[in-house]
């Protein structure tokens, strides 16, 4: 897939996924979705991974919990409500659950 085609597809998917996200978050998510470690994934998966990563790291206490010594699974459990609140605020119809393998 060409780079511009990939960017257009990611942008299209993000607009549908998080229609109410502020431009600063949208741009950060788009950059993340196009980054090397996500670029090999299908656009729908890369977009979702980038959305949840941005919401978790920028809008919850996730990183602070990790710094306090919590493991990833525990930290993710404790920020789940805040993460889903941010997704809802962004107009996202998808939510993350405690049972999701990759959230």
Protein backbone atom coordinates (compact mmCIF):
# COMPACT_ATOMS: atom_id res chain seq x y z
CA UNK A 1 0.00 0.00 0.00
CA UNK A 2 1.37 3.44 -0.92
CA UNK A 3 2.17 5.79 1.93
CA UNK A 4 -0.44 8.37 0.84
CA UNK A 5 -3.08 5.67 0.36
CA UNK A 6 -2.31 4.36 3.84
CA UNK A 7 -2.56 7.83 5.36
CA UNK A 8 -5.87 8.49 3.60
CA UNK A 9 -7.29 5.17 4.81
CA UNK A 10 -6.13 5.75 8.39
CA UNK A 11 -7.58 9.28 8.32
CA UNK A 12 -10.89 7.99 6.97
CA UNK A 13 -11.11 5.30 9.63
CA UNK A 14 -10.16 7.70 12.42
CA UNK A 15 -12.79 10.23 11.34
CA UNK A 16 -15.41 7.50 11.53
CA UNK A 17 -14.06 6.05 14.79
CA UNK A 18 -13.55 9.26 16.80
CA UNK A 19 -15.58 12.01 15.13
CA UNK A 20 -15.56 14.32 18.16
CA UNK A 21 -11.88 14.07 19.10
CA UNK A 22 -10.08 17.40 19.39
CA UNK A 23 -7.69 18.13 16.54
CA UNK A 24 -4.64 17.85 18.81
CA UNK A 25 -5.61 14.31 19.83
CA UNK A 26 -6.68 13.39 16.29
CA UNK A 27 -3.32 14.46 14.87
CA UNK A 28 -1.37 12.63 17.57
CA UNK A 29 -3.44 9.48 16.98
CA UNK A 30 -2.98 9.72 13.21
CA UNK A 31 0.80 10.04 13.63
CA UNK A 32 0.84 7.06 15.97
CA UNK A 33 -1.29 4.93 13.63
CA UNK A 34 1.16 5.63 10.79
CA UNK A 35 4.24 4.87 12.93
CA UNK A 36 6.53 1.99 12.08
CA UNK A 37 5.32 -0.39 14.78
CA UNK A 38 1.68 -0.10 13.65
CA UNK A 39 2.21 0.47 9.93
CA UNK A 40 2.26 -3.26 9.14
CA UNK A 41 -1.24 -3.75 10.60
CA UNK A 42 -4.49 -3.40 8.65
CA UNK A 43 -5.72 0.23 8.88
CA UNK A 44 -8.70 -0.66 11.07
CA UNK A 45 -6.48 -2.34 13.67
CA UNK A 46 -3.76 0.31 13.51
CA UNK A 47 -6.38 3.02 14.01
CA UNK A 48 -7.95 1.28 17.02
CA UNK A 49 -4.57 0.56 18.61
CA UNK A 50 -3.54 4.20 18.17
CA UNK A 51 -6.85 5.52 19.56
CA UNK A 52 -6.69 3.39 22.69
CA UNK A 53 -2.99 4.09 23.21
CA UNK A 54 -3.50 7.86 22.99
CA UNK A 55 -6.52 7.81 25.29
CA UNK A 56 -4.75 5.59 27.82
CA UNK A 57 -1.40 7.40 27.92
CA UNK A 58 -2.56 11.00 27.50
CA UNK A 59 -5.88 11.00 29.35
CA UNK A 60 -5.63 8.49 32.21
CA UNK A 61 -3.35 7.75 35.15
CA UNK A 62 -1.96 4.68 33.35
CA UNK A 63 1.66 5.85 33.16
CA UNK A 64 1.60 7.04 36.79
CA UNK A 65 0.35 3.62 37.89
CA UNK A 66 3.14 1.91 35.97
CA UNK A 67 5.65 4.26 37.61
CA UNK A 68 4.22 3.28 41.01
CA UNK A 69 4.99 -0.36 40.25
CA UNK A 70 1.69 -1.69 38.95
CA UNK A 71 1.97 -4.26 36.17
CA UNK A 72 0.37 -3.48 32.78
CA UNK A 73 -2.73 -5.59 33.34
CA UNK A 74 -3.44 -4.05 36.75
CA UNK A 75 -2.83 -0.51 35.51
CA UNK A 76 -5.11 -1.13 32.53
CA UNK A 77 -7.82 -2.45 34.84
CA UNK A 78 -7.70 0.64 37.06
CA UNK A 79 -7.91 3.11 34.15
CA UNK A 80 -10.57 1.24 32.18
CA UNK A 81 -13.45 3.53 33.16
CA UNK A 82 -11.46 6.70 32.39
CA UNK A 83 -10.35 5.22 29.07
CA UNK A 84 -13.91 4.40 28.04
CA UNK A 85 -15.14 7.81 29.18
CA UNK A 86 -12.57 9.45 26.89
CA UNK A 87 -13.60 7.21 23.98
CA UNK A 88 -17.23 8.18 24.56
CA UNK A 89 -16.28 11.86 24.71
CA UNK A 90 -14.56 11.44 21.33
CA UNK A 91 -17.78 9.98 19.87
CA UNK A 92 -16.41 6.46 19.66
CA UNK A 93 -19.03 3.72 19.62
CA UNK A 94 -16.46 1.07 20.61
CA UNK A 95 -15.41 0.46 24.19
CA UNK A 96 -12.60 -1.48 25.82
CA UNK A 97 -13.41 -4.25 28.29
CA UNK A 98 -11.34 -5.99 30.93
CA UNK A 99 -11.50 -9.16 28.87
CA UNK A 100 -9.97 -7.61 25.72
CA UNK A 101 -6.63 -9.24 25.02
CA UNK A 102 -5.08 -6.20 23.32
CA UNK A 103 -6.57 -3.09 24.89
